[in-house]
Amino acid sequence: MYFLYILKCSDDSFYTGITNNLEARLHTHKEGKGSKYVRSRLPFDLVYKEVLPDHSSALIREHEIKSMTRDQKLQLIVDADHNRS
C-alpha cells in the first residue's frame, strides 16, 4: 500500500509526494530532513491524501497531480474535504 499526499507549505505552495509510510514521511519532513522544497517552506499542513495499491500506481497518480494546475489541485482538496463530511 502506498500513499500519495499533498502538503500546503508556509508560502501557500503545494508539494506532492508518495510514500509507503505516511506517518514516518511527515515526521521526516517536519524535522527538515525531507525534500529541500519542503525544508525551505516549513511549516506545512497535510491537506490531501490517497491510498493506492502499489508503487507503480502511486507514481502514475503523482504525475497526474503534478500536471494539474493550482486551481485543479485546490478543487481536488475541496472535493475530498466534502466527501469526508
PDB file of N, CA and C in Angstrom:
ATOM      1  N   MET A   1       0.844  -1.177   0.000  1.00  0.00           N
ATOM      2  CA  MET A   1       0.000   0.000   0.000  1.00  0.00           C
ATOM      3  C   MET A   1       0.894   1.247   0.000  1.00  0.00           C
ATOM      4  N   TYR A   2       0.524   2.208  -0.812  1.00  0.00           N
ATOM      5  CA  TYR A   2       1.240   3.479  -0.910  1.00  0.00           C
ATOM      6  C   TYR A   2       0.283   4.639  -0.692  1.00  0.00           C
ATOM      7  N   PHE A   3       0.856   5.745  -0.280  1.00  0.00           N
ATOM      8  CA  PHE A   3       0.088   6.969  -0.080  1.00  0.00           C
ATOM      9  C   PHE A   3       0.608   8.045  -1.017  1.00  0.00           C
ATOM     10  N   LEU A   4      -0.307   8.756  -1.619  1.00  0.00           N
ATOM     11  CA  LEU A   4       0.009   9.981  -2.319  1.00  0.00           C
ATOM     12  C   LEU A   4      -0.460  11.085  -1.382  1.00  0.00           C
ATOM     13  N   TYR A   5       0.346  12.125  -1.223  1.00  0.00           N
ATOM     14  CA  TYR A   5      -0.039  13.186  -0.297  1.00  0.00           C
ATOM     15  C   TYR A   5       0.283  14.550  -0.876  1.00  0.00           C
ATOM     16  N   ILE A   6      -0.483  15.534  -0.436  1.00  0.00           N
ATOM     17  CA  ILE A   6      -0.228  16.922  -0.809  1.00  0.00           C
ATOM     18  C   ILE A   6      -0.061  17.717   0.474  1.00  0.00           C
ATOM     19  N   LEU A   7       1.033  18.469   0.546  1.00  0.00           N
ATOM     20  CA  LEU A   7       1.289  19.366   1.664  1.00  0.00           C
ATOM     21  C   LEU A   7       1.072  20.797   1.201  1.00  0.00           C
ATOM     22  N   LYS A   8       0.484  21.601   2.052  1.00  0.00           N
ATOM     23  CA  LYS A   8       0.401  23.036   1.797  1.00  0.00           C
ATOM     24  C   LYS A   8       1.490  23.681   2.647  1.00  0.00           C
ATOM     25  N   CYS A   9       2.458  24.279   1.991  1.00  0.00           N
ATOM     26  CA  CYS A   9       3.618  24.845   2.671  1.00  0.00           C
ATOM     27  C   CYS A   9       3.328  26.257   3.181  1.00  0.00           C
ATOM     28  N   SER A  10       4.246  26.787   3.969  1.00  0.00           N
ATOM     29  CA  SER A  10       4.054  28.092   4.607  1.00  0.00           C
ATOM     30  C   SER A  10       3.926  29.232   3.606  1.00  0.00           C
ATOM     31  N   ASP A  11       4.455  29.049   2.396  1.00  0.00           N
ATOM     32  CA  ASP A  11       4.332  30.091   1.371  1.00  0.00           C
ATOM     33  C   ASP A  11       3.094  29.885   0.492  1.00  0.00           C
ATOM     34  N   ASP A  12       2.187  29.001   0.929  1.00  0.00           N
ATOM     35  CA  ASP A  12       0.940  28.683   0.228  1.00  0.00           C
ATOM     36  C   ASP A  12       1.144  27.819  -1.013  1.00  0.00           C
ATOM     37  N   SER A  13       2.325  27.311  -1.231  1.00  0.00           N
ATOM     38  CA  SER A  13       2.562  26.415  -2.366  1.00  0.00           C
ATOM     39  C   SER A  13       2.212  24.987  -1.947  1.00  0.00           C
ATOM     40  N   PHE A  14       2.071  24.128  -2.952  1.00  0.00           N
ATOM     41  CA  PHE A  14       1.766  22.723  -2.707  1.00  0.00           C
ATOM     42  C   PHE A  14       2.961  21.848  -3.052  1.00  0.00           C
ATOM     43  N   TYR A  15       3.142  20.804  -2.262  1.00  0.00           N
ATOM     44  CA  TYR A  15       4.147  19.788  -2.520  1.00  0.00           C
ATOM     45  C   TYR A  15       3.421  18.452  -2.591  1.00  0.00           C
ATOM     46  N   THR A  16       3.657  17.701  -3.645  1.00  0.00           N
ATOM     47  CA  THR A  16       3.029  16.394  -3.829  1.00  0.00           C
ATOM     48  C   THR A  16       4.095  15.319  -3.762  1.00  0.00           C
ATOM     49  N   GLY A  17       3.828  14.264  -2.996  1.00  0.00           N
ATOM     50  CA  GLY A  17       4.780  13.168  -2.878  1.00  0.00           C
ATOM     51  C   GLY A  17       4.081  11.844  -2.674  1.00  0.00           C
ATOM     52  N   ILE A  18       4.859  10.774  -2.691  1.00  0.00           N
ATOM     53  CA  ILE A  18       4.340   9.440  -2.417  1.00  0.00           C
ATOM     54  C   ILE A  18       5.244   8.769  -1.390  1.00  0.00           C
ATOM     55  N   THR A  19       4.665   7.827  -0.656  1.00  0.00           N
ATOM     56  CA  THR A  19       5.416   7.089   0.354  1.00  0.00           C
ATOM     57  C   THR A  19       4.661   5.813   0.704  1.00  0.00           C
ATOM     58  N   ASN A  20       5.352   4.859   1.286  1.00  0.00           N
ATOM     59  CA  ASN A  20       4.670   3.670   1.792  1.00  0.00           C
ATOM     60  C   ASN A  20       4.448   3.759   3.296  1.00  0.00           C
ATOM     61  N   ASN A  21       4.910   4.854   3.914  1.00  0.00           N
ATOM     62  CA  ASN A  21       4.702   5.075   5.349  1.00  0.00           C
ATOM     63  C   ASN A  21       4.471   6.575   5.556  1.00  0.00           C
ATOM     64  N   LEU A  22       3.224   6.982   5.503  1.00  0.00           N
ATOM     65  CA  LEU A  22       2.892   8.405   5.546  1.00  0.00           C
ATOM     66  C   LEU A  22       3.320   9.059   6.857  1.00  0.00           C
ATOM     67  N   GLU A  23       3.053   8.401   7.961  1.00  0.00           N
ATOM     68  CA  GLU A  23       3.406   8.973   9.265  1.00  0.00           C
ATOM     69  C   GLU A  23       4.908   9.249   9.365  1.00  0.00           C
ATOM     70  N   ALA A  24       5.712   8.294   8.964  1.00  0.00           N
ATOM     71  CA  ALA A  24       7.169   8.455   9.025  1.00  0.00           C
ATOM     72  C   ALA A  24       7.641   9.547   8.065  1.00  0.00           C
ATOM     73  N   ARG A  25       7.046   9.607   6.878  1.00  0.00           N
ATOM     74  CA  ARG A  25       7.463  10.613   5.900  1.00  0.00           C
ATOM     75  C   ARG A  25       7.135  12.015   6.385  1.00  0.00           C
ATOM     76  N   LEU A  26       5.949  12.191   6.971  1.00  0.00           N
ATOM     77  CA  LEU A  26       5.584  13.506   7.505  1.00  0.00           C
ATOM     78  C   LEU A  26       6.532  13.910   8.627  1.00  0.00           C
ATOM     79  N   HIS A  27       6.891  12.962   9.462  1.00  0.00           N
ATOM     80  CA  HIS A  27       7.841  13.234  10.543  1.00  0.00           C
ATOM     81  C   HIS A  27       9.190  13.681   9.973  1.00  0.00           C
ATOM     82  N   THR A  28       9.643  13.006   8.928  1.00  0.00           N
ATOM     83  CA  THR A  28      10.900  13.371   8.273  1.00  0.00           C
ATOM     84  C   THR A  28      10.830  14.790   7.714  1.00  0.00           C
ATOM     85  N   HIS A  29       9.708  15.119   7.075  1.00  0.00           N
ATOM     86  CA  HIS A  29       9.528  16.481   6.559  1.00  0.00           C
ATOM     87  C   HIS A  29       9.562  17.501   7.708  1.00  0.00           C
ATOM     88  N   LYS A  30       8.858  17.204   8.793  1.00  0.00           N
ATOM     89  CA  LYS A  30       8.793  18.149   9.927  1.00  0.00           C
ATOM     90  C   LYS A  30      10.161  18.384  10.547  1.00  0.00           C
ATOM     91  N   GLU A  31      11.014  17.369  10.530  1.00  0.00           N
ATOM     92  CA  GLU A  31      12.370  17.515  11.072  1.00  0.00           C
ATOM     93  C   GLU A  31      13.296  18.275  10.121  1.00  0.00           C
ATOM     94  N   GLY A  32      12.788  18.613   8.926  1.00  0.00           N
ATOM     95  CA  GLY A  32      13.616  19.302   7.950  1.00  0.00           C
ATOM     96  C   GLY A  32      14.571  18.378   7.227  1.00  0.00           C
ATOM     97  N   LYS A  33      14.303  17.078   7.275  1.00  0.00           N
ATOM     98  CA  LYS A  33      15.182  16.096   6.647  1.00  0.00           C
ATOM     99  C   LYS A  33      14.543  15.479   5.402  1.00  0.00           C
ATOM    100  N   GLY A  34      13.403  16.007   4.994  1.00  0.00           N
ATOM    101  CA  GLY A  34      12.741  15.509   3.795  1.00  0.00           C
ATOM    102  C   GLY A  34      13.268  16.253   2.586  1.00  0.00           C
ATOM    103  N   SER A  35      12.388  16.580   1.690  1.00  0.00           N
ATOM    104  CA  SER A  35      12.795  17.259   0.460  1.00  0.00           C
ATOM    105  C   SER A  35      13.291  18.677   0.749  1.00  0.00           C
ATOM    106  N   LYS A  36      14.188  19.155  -0.101  1.00  0.00           N
ATOM    107  CA  LYS A  36      14.676  20.535   0.024  1.00  0.00           C
ATOM    108  C   LYS A  36      13.529  21.526  -0.120  1.00  0.00           C
ATOM    109  N   TYR A  37      12.592  21.192  -1.008  1.00  0.00           N
ATOM    110  CA  TYR A  37      11.462  22.085  -1.262  1.00  0.00           C
ATOM    111  C   TYR A  37      10.683  22.348   0.027  1.00  0.00           C
ATOM    112  N   VAL A  38      10.294  21.291   0.719  1.00  0.00           N
ATOM    113  CA  VAL A  38       9.502  21.443   1.949  1.00  0.00           C
ATOM    114  C   VAL A  38      10.367  22.043   3.053  1.00  0.00           C
ATOM    115  N   ARG A  39      11.603  21.619   3.157  1.00  0.00           N
ATOM    116  CA  ARG A  39      12.510  22.112   4.204  1.00  0.00           C
ATOM    117  C   ARG A  39      12.610  23.635   4.195  1.00  0.00           C
ATOM    118  N   SER A  40      12.604  24.219   3.006  1.00  0.00           N
ATOM    119  CA  SER A  40      12.737  25.674   2.906  1.00  0.00           C
ATOM    120  C   SER A  40      11.403  26.396   3.036  1.00  0.00           C
ATOM    121  N   ARG A  41      10.312  25.642   3.243  1.00  0.00           N
ATOM    122  CA  ARG A  41       8.981  26.248   3.325  1.00  0.00           C
ATOM    123  C   ARG A  41       8.195  25.756   4.548  1.00  0.00           C
ATOM    124  N   LEU A  42       8.898  25.369   5.595  1.00  0.00           N
ATOM    125  CA  LEU A  42       8.248  24.922   6.835  1.00  0.00           C
ATOM    126  C   LEU A  42       7.564  26.090   7.515  1.00  0.00           C
ATOM    127  N   PRO A  43       6.522  25.875   8.264  1.00  0.00           N
ATOM    128  CA  PRO A  43       5.807  24.613   8.479  1.00  0.00           C
ATOM    129  C   PRO A  43       4.850  24.309   7.320  1.00  0.00           C
ATOM    130  N   PHE A  44       4.233  23.145   7.382  1.00  0.00           N
ATOM    131  CA  PHE A  44       3.296  22.719   6.354  1.00  0.00           C
ATOM    132  C   PHE A  44       2.088  22.054   6.993  1.00  0.00           C
ATOM    133  N   ASP A  45       1.038  21.892   6.206  1.00  0.00           N
ATOM    134  CA  ASP A  45      -0.146  21.141   6.617  1.00  0.00           C
ATOM    135  C   ASP A  45      -0.406  20.051   5.594  1.00  0.00           C
ATOM    136  N   LEU A  46      -0.766  18.881   6.066  1.00  0.00           N
ATOM    137  CA  LEU A  46      -1.217  17.818   5.170  1.00  0.00           C
ATOM    138  C   LEU A  46      -2.638  18.167   4.757  1.00  0.00           C
ATOM    139  N   VAL A  47      -2.861  18.390   3.469  1.00  0.00           N
ATOM    140  CA  VAL A  47      -4.191  18.820   3.012  1.00  0.00           C
ATOM    141  C   VAL A  47      -4.898  17.778   2.167  1.00  0.00           C
ATOM    142  N   TYR A  48      -4.184  16.726   1.769  1.00  0.00           N
ATOM    143  CA  TYR A  48      -4.805  15.711   0.915  1.00  0.00           C
ATOM    144  C   TYR A  48      -3.994  14.431   0.969  1.00  0.00           C
ATOM    145  N   LYS A  49      -4.700  13.293   0.905  1.00  0.00           N
ATOM    146  CA  LYS A  49      -4.009  12.006   0.793  1.00  0.00           C
ATOM    147  C   LYS A  49      -4.911  11.015   0.071  1.00  0.00           C
ATOM    148  N   GLU A  50      -4.279  10.097  -0.622  1.00  0.00           N
ATOM    149  CA  GLU A  50      -4.953   8.995  -1.304  1.00  0.00           C
ATOM    150  C   GLU A  50      -4.197   7.718  -0.982  1.00  0.00           C
ATOM    151  N   VAL A  51      -4.923   6.635  -0.875  1.00  0.00           N
ATOM    152  CA  VAL A  51      -4.302   5.323  -0.691  1.00  0.00           C
ATOM    153  C   VAL A  51      -4.304   4.621  -2.052  1.00  0.00           C
ATOM    154  N   LEU A  52      -3.152   4.093  -2.423  1.00  0.00           N
ATOM    155  CA  LEU A  52      -3.001   3.401  -3.702  1.00  0.00           C
ATOM    156  C   LEU A  52      -2.417   2.014  -3.449  1.00  0.00           C
ATOM    157  N   PRO A  53      -2.728   1.075  -4.325  1.00  0.00           N
ATOM    158  CA  PRO A  53      -2.351  -0.319  -4.040  1.00  0.00           C
ATOM    159  C   PRO A  53      -0.860  -0.634  -4.150  1.00  0.00           C
ATOM    160  N   ASP A  54      -0.123   0.119  -4.999  1.00  0.00           N
ATOM    161  CA  ASP A  54       1.284  -0.229  -5.192  1.00  0.00           C
ATOM    162  C   ASP A  54       2.081   0.990  -5.665  1.00  0.00           C
ATOM    163  N   HIS A  55       3.388   0.814  -5.723  1.00  0.00           N
ATOM    164  CA  HIS A  55       4.297   1.899  -6.075  1.00  0.00           C
ATOM    165  C   HIS A  55       4.024   2.428  -7.480  1.00  0.00           C
ATOM    166  N   SER A  56       3.781   1.537  -8.406  1.00  0.00           N
ATOM    167  CA  SER A  56       3.543   1.933  -9.790  1.00  0.00           C
ATOM    168  C   SER A  56       2.321   2.836  -9.924  1.00  0.00           C
ATOM    169  N   SER A  57       1.226   2.450  -9.312  1.00  0.00           N
ATOM    170  CA  SER A  57       0.013   3.278  -9.399  1.00  0.00           C
ATOM    171  C   SER A  57       0.198   4.595  -8.656  1.00  0.00           C
ATOM    172  N   ALA A  58       0.986   4.594  -7.595  1.00  0.00           N
ATOM    173  CA  ALA A  58       1.265   5.835  -6.865  1.00  0.00           C
ATOM    174  C   ALA A  58       2.083   6.798  -7.731  1.00  0.00           C
ATOM    175  N   LEU A  59       3.067   6.280  -8.452  1.00  0.00           N
ATOM    176  CA  LEU A  59       3.866   7.121  -9.340  1.00  0.00           C
ATOM    177  C   LEU A  59       3.024   7.721 -10.466  1.00  0.00           C
ATOM    178  N   ILE A  60       2.121   6.923 -11.011  1.00  0.00           N
ATOM    179  CA  ILE A  60       1.240   7.409 -12.073  1.00  0.00           C
ATOM    180  C   ILE A  60       0.339   8.518 -11.543  1.00  0.00           C
ATOM    181  N   ARG A  61      -0.244   8.295 -10.368  1.00  0.00           N
ATOM    182  CA  ARG A  61      -1.132   9.306  -9.782  1.00  0.00           C
ATOM    183  C   ARG A  61      -0.353  10.564  -9.404  1.00  0.00           C
ATOM    184  N   GLU A  62       0.857  10.411  -8.901  1.00  0.00           N
ATOM    185  CA  GLU A  62       1.682  11.567  -8.566  1.00  0.00           C
ATOM    186  C   GLU A  62       1.932  12.419  -9.808  1.00  0.00           C
ATOM    187  N   HIS A  63       2.240  11.777 -10.909  1.00  0.00           N
ATOM    188  CA  HIS A  63       2.460  12.501 -12.155  1.00  0.00           C
ATOM    189  C   HIS A  63       1.187  13.235 -12.590  1.00  0.00           C
ATOM    190  N   GLU A  64       0.039  12.581 -12.469  1.00  0.00           N
ATOM    191  CA  GLU A  64      -1.237  13.223 -12.823  1.00  0.00           C
ATOM    192  C   GLU A  64      -1.459  14.492 -12.002  1.00  0.00           C
ATOM    193  N   ILE A  65      -1.243  14.390 -10.711  1.00  0.00           N
ATOM    194  CA  ILE A  65      -1.497  15.538  -9.834  1.00  0.00           C
ATOM    195  C   ILE A  65      -0.464  16.640 -10.067  1.00  0.00           C
ATOM    196  N   LYS A  66       0.795  16.276 -10.255  1.00  0.00           N
ATOM    197  CA  LYS A  66       1.813  17.293 -10.513  1.00  0.00           C
ATOM    198  C   LYS A  66       1.564  18.017 -11.838  1.00  0.00           C
ATOM    199  N   SER A  67       0.814  17.392 -12.740  1.00  0.00           N
ATOM    200  CA  SER A  67       0.472  18.011 -14.017  1.00  0.00           C
ATOM    201  C   SER A  67      -0.735  18.943 -13.915  1.00  0.00           C
ATOM    202  N   MET A  68      -1.430  18.896 -12.785  1.00  0.00           N
ATOM    203  CA  MET A  68      -2.616  19.738 -12.597  1.00  0.00           C
ATOM    204  C   MET A  68      -2.230  21.188 -12.344  1.00  0.00           C
ATOM    205  N   THR A  69      -3.141  22.078 -12.676  1.00  0.00           N
ATOM    206  CA  THR A  69      -2.965  23.478 -12.318  1.00  0.00           C
ATOM    207  C   THR A  69      -3.224  23.637 -10.820  1.00  0.00           C
ATOM    208  N   ARG A  70      -2.847  24.769 -10.283  1.00  0.00           N
ATOM    209  CA  ARG A  70      -3.115  25.051  -8.866  1.00  0.00           C
ATOM    210  C   ARG A  70      -4.610  24.993  -8.583  1.00  0.00           C
ATOM    211  N   ASP A  71      -5.416  25.566  -9.466  1.00  0.00           N
ATOM    212  CA  ASP A  71      -6.871  25.550  -9.269  1.00  0.00           C
ATOM    213  C   ASP A  71      -7.425  24.127  -9.271  1.00  0.00           C
ATOM    214  N   GLN A  72      -6.912  23.281 -10.128  1.00  0.00           N
ATOM    215  CA  GLN A  72      -7.356  21.888 -10.154  1.00  0.00           C
ATOM    216  C   GLN A  72      -6.984  21.167  -8.855  1.00  0.00           C
ATOM    217  N   LYS A  73      -5.796  21.454  -8.335  1.00  0.00           N
ATOM    218  CA  LYS A  73      -5.387  20.848  -7.061  1.00  0.00           C
ATOM    219  C   LYS A  73      -6.278  21.338  -5.930  1.00  0.00           C
ATOM    220  N   LEU A  74      -6.572  22.628  -5.930  1.00  0.00           N
ATOM    221  CA  LEU A  74      -7.471  23.172  -4.900  1.00  0.00           C
ATOM    222  C   LEU A  74      -8.832  22.493  -4.961  1.00  0.00           C
ATOM    223  N   GLN A  75      -9.345  22.279  -6.173  1.00  0.00           N
ATOM    224  CA  GLN A  75     -10.637  21.619  -6.317  1.00  0.00           C
ATOM    225  C   GLN A  75     -10.583  20.179  -5.820  1.00  0.00           C
ATOM    226  N   LEU A  76      -9.506  19.480  -6.096  1.00  0.00           N
ATOM    227  CA  LEU A  76      -9.313  18.118  -5.605  1.00  0.00           C
ATOM    228  C   LEU A  76      -9.366  18.090  -4.080  1.00  0.00           C
ATOM    229  N   ILE A  77      -8.685  19.033  -3.448  1.00  0.00           N
ATOM    230  CA  ILE A  77      -8.644  19.123  -1.989  1.00  0.00           C
ATOM    231  C   ILE A  77     -10.035  19.440  -1.427  1.00  0.00           C
ATOM    232  N   VAL A  78     -10.721  20.395  -2.032  1.00  0.00           N
ATOM    233  CA  VAL A  78     -12.060  20.778  -1.577  1.00  0.00           C
ATOM    234  C   VAL A  78     -13.019  19.595  -1.721  1.00  0.00           C
ATOM    235  N   ASP A  79     -12.980  18.926  -2.860  1.00  0.00           N
ATOM    236  CA  ASP A  79     -13.869  17.770  -3.085  1.00  0.00           C
ATOM    237  C   ASP A  79     -13.614  16.677  -2.060  1.00  0.00           C
ATOM    238  N   ALA A  80     -12.355  16.426  -1.725  1.00  0.00           N
ATOM    239  CA  ALA A  80     -12.018  15.408  -0.729  1.00  0.00           C
ATOM    240  C   ALA A  80     -12.546  15.798   0.647  1.00  0.00           C
ATOM    241  N   ASP A  81     -12.460  17.094   0.984  1.00  0.00           N
ATOM    242  CA  ASP A  81     -12.993  17.563   2.266  1.00  0.00           C
ATOM    243  C   ASP A  81     -14.495  17.362   2.335  1.00  0.00           C
ATOM    244  N   HIS A  82     -15.197  17.638   1.237  1.00  0.00           N
ATOM    245  CA  HIS A  82     -16.657  17.476   1.211  1.00  0.00           C
ATOM    246  C   HIS A  82     -17.055  16.006   1.334  1.00  0.00           C
ATOM    247  N   ASN A  83     -16.256  15.138   0.743  1.00  0.00           N
ATOM    248  CA  ASN A  83     -16.561  13.692   0.813  1.00  0.00           C
ATOM    249  C   ASN A  83     -16.330  13.127   2.204  1.00  0.00           C
ATOM    250  N   ARG A  84     -15.464  13.759   2.993  1.00  0.00           N
ATOM    251  CA  ARG A  84     -15.214  13.297   4.373  1.00  0.00           C
ATOM    252  C   ARG A  84     -16.304  13.753   5.323  1.00  0.00           C
ATOM    253  N   SER A  85     -16.996  14.795   4.956  1.00  0.00           N
ATOM    254  CA  SER A  85     -18.032  15.356   5.861  1.00  0.00           C
ATOM    255  C   SER A  85     -19.286  14.524   5.860  1.00  0.00           C
TER     256      SER A  85
END
